[in-house]
């Protein structure tokens, strides 16, 4: 029951972030929407790891989160003053 509720909440949050990604006025809005989508996908990976009982996916989520963080830092640096 709780996993179904969590799945529905994740789907709604993906929907809202995609809407923000489409109608975002500035590049910063779009970057924040993409970063939020990566966080949501991390929660989806963690939920799938719990449901399937294969906790190796948590390592995948950890690496994906680290790469996402580094990508957002690179984009922020590019938007601020260029590489």
C-alpha atoms as a PDB file:
ATOM      1  CA  UNK A   1       0.000   0.000   0.000  1.00  0.00           C
ATOM      2  CA  UNK A   2       2.711   2.491   0.973  1.00  0.00           C
ATOM      3  CA  UNK A   3       4.814   1.569  -2.072  1.00  0.00           C
ATOM      4  CA  UNK A   4       1.855   2.332  -4.338  1.00  0.00           C
ATOM      5  CA  UNK A   5       1.389   5.730  -2.698  1.00  0.00           C
ATOM      6  CA  UNK A   6       5.099   6.459  -3.059  1.00  0.00           C
ATOM      7  CA  UNK A   7       4.968   5.467  -6.726  1.00  0.00           C
ATOM      8  CA  UNK A   8       2.000   7.750  -7.387  1.00  0.00           C
ATOM      9  CA  UNK A   9       3.738  10.653  -5.647  1.00  0.00           C
ATOM     10  CA  UNK A  10       6.858  10.079  -7.721  1.00  0.00           C
ATOM     11  CA  UNK A  11       4.815  10.084 -10.932  1.00  0.00           C
ATOM     12  CA  UNK A  12       3.120  13.360  -9.956  1.00  0.00           C
ATOM     13  CA  UNK A  13       6.446  14.955  -9.107  1.00  0.00           C
ATOM     14  CA  UNK A  14       7.865  13.868 -12.479  1.00  0.00           C
ATOM     15  CA  UNK A  15       4.851  15.412 -14.183  1.00  0.00           C
ATOM     16  CA  UNK A  16       5.267  18.733 -12.368  1.00  0.00           C
ATOM     17  CA  UNK A  17       9.000  18.867 -13.084  1.00  0.00           C
ATOM     18  CA  UNK A  18       8.459  18.178 -16.775  1.00  0.00           C
ATOM     19  CA  UNK A  19       5.918  21.001 -16.861  1.00  0.00           C
ATOM     20  CA  UNK A  20       8.485  23.313 -15.222  1.00  0.00           C
ATOM     21  CA  UNK A  21      11.075  22.136 -17.722  1.00  0.00           C
ATOM     22  CA  UNK A  22       8.807  22.974 -20.654  1.00  0.00           C
ATOM     23  CA  UNK A  23       7.486  26.338 -19.479  1.00  0.00           C
ATOM     24  CA  UNK A  24      10.562  27.540 -17.620  1.00  0.00           C
ATOM     25  CA  UNK A  25      11.313  31.121 -18.541  1.00  0.00           C
ATOM     26  CA  UNK A  26      15.028  31.103 -17.913  1.00  0.00           C
ATOM     27  CA  UNK A  27      17.841  28.626 -18.314  1.00  0.00           C
ATOM     28  CA  UNK A  28      18.201  28.475 -14.541  1.00  0.00           C
ATOM     29  CA  UNK A  29      14.575  27.298 -14.220  1.00  0.00           C
ATOM     30  CA  UNK A  30      15.287  24.510 -16.662  1.00  0.00           C
ATOM     31  CA  UNK A  31      18.506  23.493 -14.909  1.00  0.00           C
ATOM     32  CA  UNK A  32      16.707  23.321 -11.575  1.00  0.00           C
ATOM     33  CA  UNK A  33      13.943  21.228 -13.173  1.00  0.00           C
ATOM     34  CA  UNK A  34      16.493  18.805 -14.606  1.00  0.00           C
ATOM     35  CA  UNK A  35      18.279  18.588 -11.261  1.00  0.00           C
ATOM     36  CA  UNK A  36      14.989  17.897  -9.533  1.00  0.00           C
ATOM     37  CA  UNK A  37      14.225  15.193 -12.092  1.00  0.00           C
ATOM     38  CA  UNK A  38      17.526  13.514 -11.253  1.00  0.00           C
ATOM     39  CA  UNK A  39      16.664  13.573  -7.552  1.00  0.00           C
ATOM     40  CA  UNK A  40      13.263  12.096  -8.348  1.00  0.00           C
ATOM     41  CA  UNK A  41      14.868   9.394 -10.458  1.00  0.00           C
ATOM     42  CA  UNK A  42      17.175   8.622  -7.524  1.00  0.00           C
ATOM     43  CA  UNK A  43      14.132   8.098  -5.335  1.00  0.00           C
ATOM     44  CA  UNK A  44      12.604   5.907  -8.036  1.00  0.00           C
ATOM     45  CA  UNK A  45      15.758   3.775  -8.154  1.00  0.00           C
ATOM     46  CA  UNK A  46      15.739   3.475  -4.360  1.00  0.00           C
ATOM     47  CA  UNK A  47      12.072   2.508  -4.379  1.00  0.00           C
ATOM     48  CA  UNK A  48      12.713  -0.131  -7.031  1.00  0.00           C
ATOM     49  CA  UNK A  49      15.662  -1.465  -5.034  1.00  0.00           C
ATOM     50  CA  UNK A  50      13.429  -1.856  -2.005  1.00  0.00           C
ATOM     51  CA  UNK A  51      10.564  -3.475  -3.907  1.00  0.00           C
ATOM     52  CA  UNK A  52      12.782  -5.908  -5.806  1.00  0.00           C
ATOM     53  CA  UNK A  53      15.015  -6.686  -2.837  1.00  0.00           C
ATOM     54  CA  UNK A  54      18.160  -6.094  -4.887  1.00  0.00           C
ATOM     55  CA  UNK A  55      20.059  -3.469  -2.968  1.00  0.00           C
ATOM     56  CA  UNK A  56      22.863  -3.254  -5.531  1.00  0.00           C
ATOM     57  CA  UNK A  57      20.692  -0.604  -7.189  1.00  0.00           C
ATOM     58  CA  UNK A  58      21.427   1.686  -4.262  1.00  0.00           C
ATOM     59  CA  UNK A  59      25.062   1.760  -5.384  1.00  0.00           C
ATOM     60  CA  UNK A  60      23.882   2.722  -8.854  1.00  0.00           C
ATOM     61  CA  UNK A  61      21.778   5.498  -7.340  1.00  0.00           C
ATOM     62  CA  UNK A  62      24.737   6.750  -5.336  1.00  0.00           C
ATOM     63  CA  UNK A  63      26.981   6.983  -8.401  1.00  0.00           C
ATOM     64  CA  UNK A  64      24.181   8.584 -10.421  1.00  0.00           C
ATOM     65  CA  UNK A  65      23.640  11.177  -7.693  1.00  0.00           C
ATOM     66  CA  UNK A  66      27.334  12.015  -7.585  1.00  0.00           C
ATOM     67  CA  UNK A  67      27.517  12.425 -11.355  1.00  0.00           C
ATOM     68  CA  UNK A  68      24.380  14.541 -11.328  1.00  0.00           C
ATOM     69  CA  UNK A  69      25.837  16.810  -8.660  1.00  0.00           C
ATOM     70  CA  UNK A  70      29.024  17.283 -10.648  1.00  0.00           C
ATOM     71  CA  UNK A  71      27.037  18.026 -13.813  1.00  0.00           C
ATOM     72  CA  UNK A  72      24.985  20.705 -12.070  1.00  0.00           C
ATOM     73  CA  UNK A  73      28.172  22.277 -10.727  1.00  0.00           C
ATOM     74  CA  UNK A  74      29.637  22.373 -14.221  1.00  0.00           C
ATOM     75  CA  UNK A  75      26.473  23.906 -15.664  1.00  0.00           C
ATOM     76  CA  UNK A  76      26.347  26.509 -12.891  1.00  0.00           C
ATOM     77  CA  UNK A  77      29.943  27.453 -13.500  1.00  0.00           C
ATOM     78  CA  UNK A  78      29.299  27.728 -17.234  1.00  0.00           C
ATOM     79  CA  UNK A  79      26.251  29.918 -16.709  1.00  0.00           C
ATOM     80  CA  UNK A  80      28.063  32.163 -14.256  1.00  0.00           C
ATOM     81  CA  UNK A  81      31.262  32.952 -16.110  1.00  0.00           C
ATOM     82  CA  UNK A  82      31.930  30.347 -18.754  1.00  0.00           C
ATOM     83  CA  UNK A  83      34.323  27.447 -18.743  1.00  0.00           C
END
